[in-house]
């Protein structure tokens, strides 16, 4: 997802693009898929043109995000 966001971000499209997903599959009763989708859709109303990753109630700009595999989460490159 980070690589996709970076690729799209470098195109500098005059659009707002939000990528989201789920760490727990949508078929699992403990999934975070619906929450992430709802948050992403709501975020669209307030975001400027650009590419974003929206996961677990957080919004990350395409050029300030990484996936922390050891903790299974997305986080900013800089704090």
PDB file of N, CA and C in Angstrom:
ATOM      1  N   UNK A   1       0.818  -1.177   0.000  1.00  0.00           N
ATOM      2  CA  UNK A   1       0.000   0.000   0.000  1.00  0.00           C
ATOM      3  C   UNK A   1       0.871   1.254   0.000  1.00  0.00           C
ATOM      4  N   UNK A   2       1.962   1.230   0.758  1.00  0.00           N
ATOM      5  CA  UNK A   2       2.859   2.384   0.805  1.00  0.00           C
ATOM      6  C   UNK A   2       3.457   2.636  -0.581  1.00  0.00           C
ATOM      7  N   UNK A   3       3.856   1.585  -1.257  1.00  0.00           N
ATOM      8  CA  UNK A   3       4.444   1.726  -2.588  1.00  0.00           C
ATOM      9  C   UNK A   3       3.416   2.274  -3.583  1.00  0.00           C
ATOM     10  N   UNK A   4       2.181   1.821  -3.491  1.00  0.00           N
ATOM     11  CA  UNK A   4       1.117   2.320  -4.363  1.00  0.00           C
ATOM     12  C   UNK A   4       0.871   3.801  -4.095  1.00  0.00           C
ATOM     13  N   UNK A   5       0.799   4.169  -2.827  1.00  0.00           N
ATOM     14  CA  UNK A   5       0.583   5.572  -2.464  1.00  0.00           C
ATOM     15  C   UNK A   5       1.732   6.441  -2.980  1.00  0.00           C
ATOM     16  N   UNK A   6       2.951   5.955  -2.852  1.00  0.00           N
ATOM     17  CA  UNK A   6       4.107   6.713  -3.329  1.00  0.00           C
ATOM     18  C   UNK A   6       4.051   6.889  -4.851  1.00  0.00           C
ATOM     19  N   UNK A   7       3.745   5.830  -5.550  1.00  0.00           N
ATOM     20  CA  UNK A   7       3.644   5.905  -7.013  1.00  0.00           C
ATOM     21  C   UNK A   7       2.589   6.936  -7.429  1.00  0.00           C
ATOM     22  N   UNK A   8       1.415   6.849  -6.844  1.00  0.00           N
ATOM     23  CA  UNK A   8       0.338   7.781  -7.177  1.00  0.00           C
ATOM     24  C   UNK A   8       0.686   9.209  -6.751  1.00  0.00           C
ATOM     25  N   UNK A   9       1.294   9.348  -5.593  1.00  0.00           N
ATOM     26  CA  UNK A   9       1.654  10.668  -5.089  1.00  0.00           C
ATOM     27  C   UNK A   9       2.629  11.392  -5.997  1.00  0.00           C
ATOM     28  N   UNK A  10       3.578  10.663  -6.566  1.00  0.00           N
ATOM     29  CA  UNK A  10       4.569  11.269  -7.447  1.00  0.00           C
ATOM     30  C   UNK A  10       3.979  11.700  -8.788  1.00  0.00           C
ATOM     31  N   UNK A  11       2.757  11.302  -9.068  1.00  0.00           N
ATOM     32  CA  UNK A  11       2.087  11.742 -10.293  1.00  0.00           C
ATOM     33  C   UNK A  11       1.499  13.146 -10.138  1.00  0.00           C
ATOM     34  N   UNK A  12       1.370  13.597  -8.890  1.00  0.00           N
ATOM     35  CA  UNK A  12       0.824  14.919  -8.566  1.00  0.00           C
ATOM     36  C   UNK A  12      -0.480  15.199  -9.307  1.00  0.00           C
ATOM     37  N   UNK A  13      -1.395  14.271  -9.174  1.00  0.00           N
ATOM     38  CA  UNK A  13      -2.710  14.413  -9.790  1.00  0.00           C
ATOM     39  C   UNK A  13      -3.516  15.459  -9.031  1.00  0.00           C
ATOM     40  N   UNK A  14      -4.389  16.114  -9.701  1.00  0.00           N
ATOM     41  CA  UNK A  14      -5.242  17.121  -9.049  1.00  0.00           C
ATOM     42  C   UNK A  14      -6.511  16.440  -8.548  1.00  0.00           C
ATOM     43  N   UNK A  15      -6.298  15.468  -7.676  1.00  0.00           N
ATOM     44  CA  UNK A  15      -7.396  14.667  -7.121  1.00  0.00           C
ATOM     45  C   UNK A  15      -7.062  14.321  -5.680  1.00  0.00           C
ATOM     46  N   UNK A  16      -8.062  13.897  -4.953  1.00  0.00           N
ATOM     47  CA  UNK A  16      -7.855  13.353  -3.614  1.00  0.00           C
ATOM     48  C   UNK A  16      -8.026  11.846  -3.707  1.00  0.00           C
ATOM     49  N   UNK A  17      -6.974  11.119  -3.342  1.00  0.00           N
ATOM     50  CA  UNK A  17      -6.990   9.661  -3.401  1.00  0.00           C
ATOM     51  C   UNK A  17      -6.720   9.126  -2.003  1.00  0.00           C
ATOM     52  N   UNK A  18      -7.607   8.273  -1.535  1.00  0.00           N
ATOM     53  CA  UNK A  18      -7.464   7.676  -0.212  1.00  0.00           C
ATOM     54  C   UNK A  18      -7.384   6.160  -0.369  1.00  0.00           C
ATOM     55  N   UNK A  19      -6.312   5.577   0.130  1.00  0.00           N
ATOM     56  CA  UNK A  19      -6.139   4.130   0.132  1.00  0.00           C
ATOM     57  C   UNK A  19      -6.425   3.612   1.531  1.00  0.00           C
ATOM     58  N   UNK A  20      -7.122   2.510   1.611  1.00  0.00           N
ATOM     59  CA  UNK A  20      -7.391   1.901   2.908  1.00  0.00           C
ATOM     60  C   UNK A  20      -7.462   0.394   2.741  1.00  0.00           C
ATOM     61  N   UNK A  21      -7.513  -0.289   3.819  1.00  0.00           N
ATOM     62  CA  UNK A  21      -7.584  -1.748   3.804  1.00  0.00           C
ATOM     63  C   UNK A  21      -7.867  -2.233   5.207  1.00  0.00           C
ATOM     64  N   UNK A  22      -7.447  -3.448   5.479  1.00  0.00           N
ATOM     65  CA  UNK A  22      -7.672  -4.028   6.806  1.00  0.00           C
ATOM     66  C   UNK A  22      -6.562  -5.007   7.127  1.00  0.00           C
ATOM     67  N   UNK A  23      -6.106  -4.972   8.357  1.00  0.00           N
ATOM     68  CA  UNK A  23      -5.131  -5.954   8.800  1.00  0.00           C
ATOM     69  C   UNK A  23      -5.807  -7.280   9.127  1.00  0.00           C
ATOM     70  N   UNK A  24      -7.077  -7.195   9.508  1.00  0.00           N
ATOM     71  CA  UNK A  24      -7.858  -8.397   9.812  1.00  0.00           C
ATOM     72  C   UNK A  24      -8.871  -8.557   8.691  1.00  0.00           C
ATOM     73  N   UNK A  25      -8.895  -9.683   7.997  1.00  0.00           N
ATOM     74  CA  UNK A  25      -9.791  -9.864   6.851  1.00  0.00           C
ATOM     75  C   UNK A  25     -11.251  -9.537   7.186  1.00  0.00           C
ATOM     76  N   UNK A  26     -11.969  -9.049   6.185  1.00  0.00           N
ATOM     77  CA  UNK A  26     -13.359  -8.658   6.351  1.00  0.00           C
ATOM     78  C   UNK A  26     -14.276  -9.792   6.735  1.00  0.00           C
ATOM     79  N   UNK A  27     -13.858 -11.019   6.511  1.00  0.00           N
ATOM     80  CA  UNK A  27     -14.679 -12.177   6.880  1.00  0.00           C
ATOM     81  C   UNK A  27     -14.537 -12.545   8.351  1.00  0.00           C
ATOM     82  N   UNK A  28     -13.552 -11.982   9.029  1.00  0.00           N
ATOM     83  CA  UNK A  28     -13.331 -12.264  10.448  1.00  0.00           C
ATOM     84  C   UNK A  28     -14.242 -11.368  11.289  1.00  0.00           C
ATOM     85  N   UNK A  29     -14.801 -11.890  12.363  1.00  0.00           N
ATOM     86  CA  UNK A  29     -15.727 -11.092  13.181  1.00  0.00           C
ATOM     87  C   UNK A  29     -15.028  -9.924  13.880  1.00  0.00           C
ATOM     88  N   UNK A  30     -13.718  -9.972  14.030  1.00  0.00           N
ATOM     89  CA  UNK A  30     -12.963  -8.894  14.668  1.00  0.00           C
ATOM     90  C   UNK A  30     -12.308  -7.956  13.656  1.00  0.00           C
ATOM     91  N   UNK A  31     -12.811  -7.951  12.439  1.00  0.00           N
ATOM     92  CA  UNK A  31     -12.194  -7.160  11.381  1.00  0.00           C
ATOM     93  C   UNK A  31     -12.236  -5.660  11.658  1.00  0.00           C
ATOM     94  N   UNK A  32     -11.270  -4.970  11.111  1.00  0.00           N
ATOM     95  CA  UNK A  32     -11.264  -3.513  11.171  1.00  0.00           C
ATOM     96  C   UNK A  32     -11.595  -2.928   9.791  1.00  0.00           C
ATOM     97  N   UNK A  33     -12.030  -3.754   8.877  1.00  0.00           N
ATOM     98  CA  UNK A  33     -12.290  -3.329   7.497  1.00  0.00           C
ATOM     99  C   UNK A  33     -13.379  -2.268   7.410  1.00  0.00           C
ATOM    100  N   UNK A  34     -14.508  -2.486   8.025  1.00  0.00           N
ATOM    101  CA  UNK A  34     -15.617  -1.534   7.929  1.00  0.00           C
ATOM    102  C   UNK A  34     -15.256  -0.207   8.590  1.00  0.00           C
ATOM    103  N   UNK A  35     -14.618  -0.255   9.739  1.00  0.00           N
ATOM    104  CA  UNK A  35     -14.192   0.965  10.423  1.00  0.00           C
ATOM    105  C   UNK A  35     -13.235   1.757   9.528  1.00  0.00           C
ATOM    106  N   UNK A  36     -12.272   1.078   8.919  1.00  0.00           N
ATOM    107  CA  UNK A  36     -11.316   1.766   8.047  1.00  0.00           C
ATOM    108  C   UNK A  36     -12.005   2.363   6.828  1.00  0.00           C
ATOM    109  N   UNK A  37     -12.936   1.643   6.244  1.00  0.00           N
ATOM    110  CA  UNK A  37     -13.658   2.150   5.080  1.00  0.00           C
ATOM    111  C   UNK A  37     -14.483   3.383   5.448  1.00  0.00           C
ATOM    112  N   UNK A  38     -15.188   3.316   6.559  1.00  0.00           N
ATOM    113  CA  UNK A  38     -15.999   4.455   6.999  1.00  0.00           C
ATOM    114  C   UNK A  38     -15.121   5.675   7.287  1.00  0.00           C
ATOM    115  N   UNK A  39     -14.005   5.453   7.953  1.00  0.00           N
ATOM    116  CA  UNK A  39     -13.108   6.560   8.282  1.00  0.00           C
ATOM    117  C   UNK A  39     -12.526   7.173   7.012  1.00  0.00           C
ATOM    118  N   UNK A  40     -12.165   6.330   6.051  1.00  0.00           N
ATOM    119  CA  UNK A  40     -11.614   6.810   4.785  1.00  0.00           C
ATOM    120  C   UNK A  40     -12.641   7.646   4.030  1.00  0.00           C
ATOM    121  N   UNK A  41     -13.866   7.193   3.994  1.00  0.00           N
ATOM    122  CA  UNK A  41     -14.916   7.934   3.288  1.00  0.00           C
ATOM    123  C   UNK A  41     -15.179   9.282   3.955  1.00  0.00           C
ATOM    124  N   UNK A  42     -15.186   9.308   5.272  1.00  0.00           N
ATOM    125  CA  UNK A  42     -15.374  10.565   5.995  1.00  0.00           C
ATOM    126  C   UNK A  42     -14.186  11.510   5.811  1.00  0.00           C
ATOM    127  N   UNK A  43     -12.992  10.948   5.738  1.00  0.00           N
ATOM    128  CA  UNK A  43     -11.789  11.764   5.565  1.00  0.00           C
ATOM    129  C   UNK A  43     -11.800  12.493   4.230  1.00  0.00           C
ATOM    130  N   UNK A  44     -12.404  11.891   3.227  1.00  0.00           N
ATOM    131  CA  UNK A  44     -12.452  12.518   1.901  1.00  0.00           C
ATOM    132  C   UNK A  44     -13.057  13.908   1.931  1.00  0.00           C
ATOM    133  N   UNK A  45     -13.976  14.142   2.838  1.00  0.00           N
ATOM    134  CA  UNK A  45     -14.651  15.437   2.919  1.00  0.00           C
ATOM    135  C   UNK A  45     -13.716  16.568   3.330  1.00  0.00           C
ATOM    136  N   UNK A  46     -12.648  16.246   4.034  1.00  0.00           N
ATOM    137  CA  UNK A  46     -11.793  17.281   4.607  1.00  0.00           C
ATOM    138  C   UNK A  46     -10.375  17.334   4.039  1.00  0.00           C
ATOM    139  N   UNK A  47     -10.012  16.387   3.204  1.00  0.00           N
ATOM    140  CA  UNK A  47      -8.644  16.336   2.696  1.00  0.00           C
ATOM    141  C   UNK A  47      -8.493  17.145   1.416  1.00  0.00           C
ATOM    142  N   UNK A  48      -7.340  17.769   1.268  1.00  0.00           N
ATOM    143  CA  UNK A  48      -7.004  18.493   0.042  1.00  0.00           C
ATOM    144  C   UNK A  48      -6.513  17.483  -0.998  1.00  0.00           C
ATOM    145  N   UNK A  49      -6.324  17.955  -2.221  1.00  0.00           N
ATOM    146  CA  UNK A  49      -5.779  17.085  -3.253  1.00  0.00           C
ATOM    147  C   UNK A  49      -4.478  16.451  -2.769  1.00  0.00           C
ATOM    148  N   UNK A  50      -4.339  15.181  -3.037  1.00  0.00           N
ATOM    149  CA  UNK A  50      -3.155  14.446  -2.631  1.00  0.00           C
ATOM    150  C   UNK A  50      -3.495  12.979  -2.466  1.00  0.00           C
ATOM    151  N   UNK A  51      -2.513  12.224  -2.025  1.00  0.00           N
ATOM    152  CA  UNK A  51      -2.681  10.784  -1.837  1.00  0.00           C
ATOM    153  C   UNK A  51      -2.439  10.469  -0.368  1.00  0.00           C
ATOM    154  N   UNK A  52      -3.349   9.693   0.192  1.00  0.00           N
ATOM    155  CA  UNK A  52      -3.320   9.393   1.619  1.00  0.00           C
ATOM    156  C   UNK A  52      -3.571   7.911   1.860  1.00  0.00           C
ATOM    157  N   UNK A  53      -3.045   7.427   2.973  1.00  0.00           N
ATOM    158  CA  UNK A  53      -3.387   6.109   3.498  1.00  0.00           C
ATOM    159  C   UNK A  53      -4.154   6.346   4.784  1.00  0.00           C
ATOM    160  N   UNK A  54      -5.324   5.736   4.891  1.00  0.00           N
ATOM    161  CA  UNK A  54      -6.159   5.868   6.079  1.00  0.00           C
ATOM    162  C   UNK A  54      -6.324   4.479   6.694  1.00  0.00           C
ATOM    163  N   UNK A  55      -5.801   4.325   7.899  1.00  0.00           N
ATOM    164  CA  UNK A  55      -5.871   3.047   8.599  1.00  0.00           C
ATOM    165  C   UNK A  55      -5.987   3.284  10.098  1.00  0.00           C
ATOM    166  N   UNK A  56      -6.841   2.523  10.733  1.00  0.00           N
ATOM    167  CA  UNK A  56      -6.977   2.536  12.197  1.00  0.00           C
ATOM    168  C   UNK A  56      -7.158   3.937  12.778  1.00  0.00           C
ATOM    169  N   UNK A  57      -8.002   4.737  12.125  1.00  0.00           N
ATOM    170  CA  UNK A  57      -8.313   6.059  12.632  1.00  0.00           C
ATOM    171  C   UNK A  57      -7.228   7.097  12.434  1.00  0.00           C
ATOM    172  N   UNK A  58      -6.273   6.813  11.569  1.00  0.00           N
ATOM    173  CA  UNK A  58      -5.199   7.757  11.298  1.00  0.00           C
ATOM    174  C   UNK A  58      -5.107   8.020   9.809  1.00  0.00           C
ATOM    175  N   UNK A  59      -4.671   9.231   9.477  1.00  0.00           N
ATOM    176  CA  UNK A  59      -4.497   9.639   8.091  1.00  0.00           C
ATOM    177  C   UNK A  59      -3.015   9.928   7.876  1.00  0.00           C
ATOM    178  N   UNK A  60      -2.443   9.294   6.860  1.00  0.00           N
ATOM    179  CA  UNK A  60      -1.030   9.469   6.545  1.00  0.00           C
ATOM    180  C   UNK A  60      -0.870  10.010   5.137  1.00  0.00           C
ATOM    181  N   UNK A  61      -0.028  11.021   4.983  1.00  0.00           N
ATOM    182  CA  UNK A  61       0.301  11.544   3.668  1.00  0.00           C
ATOM    183  C   UNK A  61       1.226  10.546   2.972  1.00  0.00           C
ATOM    184  N   UNK A  62       1.100  10.435   1.666  1.00  0.00           N
ATOM    185  CA  UNK A  62       1.852   9.440   0.899  1.00  0.00           C
ATOM    186  C   UNK A  62       3.363   9.519   1.110  1.00  0.00           C
ATOM    187  N   UNK A  63       3.889  10.703   1.386  1.00  0.00           N
ATOM    188  CA  UNK A  63       5.345  10.830   1.526  1.00  0.00           C
ATOM    189  C   UNK A  63       5.799  10.877   2.986  1.00  0.00           C
ATOM    190  N   UNK A  64       4.911  10.480   3.888  1.00  0.00           N
ATOM    191  CA  UNK A  64       5.278  10.444   5.306  1.00  0.00           C
ATOM    192  C   UNK A  64       4.614   9.253   5.992  1.00  0.00           C
ATOM    193  N   UNK A  65       4.845   8.069   5.433  1.00  0.00           N
ATOM    194  CA  UNK A  65       4.239   6.865   6.007  1.00  0.00           C
ATOM    195  C   UNK A  65       5.123   5.650   5.718  1.00  0.00           C
ATOM    196  N   UNK A  66       5.106   4.742   6.660  1.00  0.00           N
ATOM    197  CA  UNK A  66       5.754   3.444   6.452  1.00  0.00           C
ATOM    198  C   UNK A  66       4.922   2.389   7.155  1.00  0.00           C
ATOM    199  N   UNK A  67       5.087   1.146   6.732  1.00  0.00           N
ATOM    200  CA  UNK A  67       4.410   0.047   7.402  1.00  0.00           C
ATOM    201  C   UNK A  67       5.410  -0.608   8.344  1.00  0.00           C
ATOM    202  N   UNK A  68       5.086  -0.613   9.604  1.00  0.00           N
ATOM    203  CA  UNK A  68       5.916  -1.243  10.617  1.00  0.00           C
ATOM    204  C   UNK A  68       5.477  -2.701  10.709  1.00  0.00           C
ATOM    205  N   UNK A  69       6.242  -3.581  10.096  1.00  0.00           N
ATOM    206  CA  UNK A  69       5.866  -4.992  10.037  1.00  0.00           C
ATOM    207  C   UNK A  69       5.953  -5.680  11.397  1.00  0.00           C
ATOM    208  N   UNK A  70       6.878  -5.248  12.227  1.00  0.00           N
ATOM    209  CA  UNK A  70       7.018  -5.900  13.536  1.00  0.00           C
ATOM    210  C   UNK A  70       5.828  -5.601  14.445  1.00  0.00           C
ATOM    211  N   UNK A  71       5.202  -4.419  14.265  1.00  0.00           N
ATOM    212  CA  UNK A  71       4.047  -4.065  15.090  1.00  0.00           C
ATOM    213  C   UNK A  71       2.743  -4.095  14.294  1.00  0.00           C
ATOM    214  N   UNK A  72       2.844  -4.464  13.018  1.00  0.00           N
ATOM    215  CA  UNK A  72       1.686  -4.619  12.129  1.00  0.00           C
ATOM    216  C   UNK A  72       0.798  -3.376  12.122  1.00  0.00           C
ATOM    217  N   UNK A  73       1.442  -2.236  11.810  1.00  0.00           N
ATOM    218  CA  UNK A  73       0.701  -0.980  11.744  1.00  0.00           C
ATOM    219  C   UNK A  73       1.409  -0.009  10.803  1.00  0.00           C
ATOM    220  N   UNK A  74       0.663   1.011  10.401  1.00  0.00           N
ATOM    221  CA  UNK A  74       1.241   2.112   9.645  1.00  0.00           C
ATOM    222  C   UNK A  74       1.616   3.198  10.625  1.00  0.00           C
ATOM    223  N   UNK A  75       2.692   3.919  10.295  1.00  0.00           N
ATOM    224  CA  UNK A  75       3.144   5.004  11.159  1.00  0.00           C
ATOM    225  C   UNK A  75       3.859   6.064  10.329  1.00  0.00           C
ATOM    226  N   UNK A  76       3.928   7.292  10.840  1.00  0.00           N
ATOM    227  CA  UNK A  76       4.618   8.344  10.087  1.00  0.00           C
ATOM    228  C   UNK A  76       6.123   8.111  10.068  1.00  0.00           C
ATOM    229  N   UNK A  77       6.760   8.590   9.013  1.00  0.00           N
ATOM    230  CA  UNK A  77       8.222   8.541   8.957  1.00  0.00           C
ATOM    231  C   UNK A  77       8.817   9.500   9.964  1.00  0.00           C
ATOM    232  N   UNK A  78       8.171  10.672  10.090  1.00  0.00           N
ATOM    233  CA  UNK A  78       8.610  11.687  11.045  1.00  0.00           C
ATOM    234  C   UNK A  78       7.483  11.939  12.031  1.00  0.00           C
ATOM    235  N   UNK A  79       7.809  12.320  13.199  1.00  0.00           N
ATOM    236  CA  UNK A  79       6.772  12.536  14.233  1.00  0.00           C
ATOM    237  C   UNK A  79       6.561  13.991  14.483  1.00  0.00           C
TER     238      UNK A  79
END
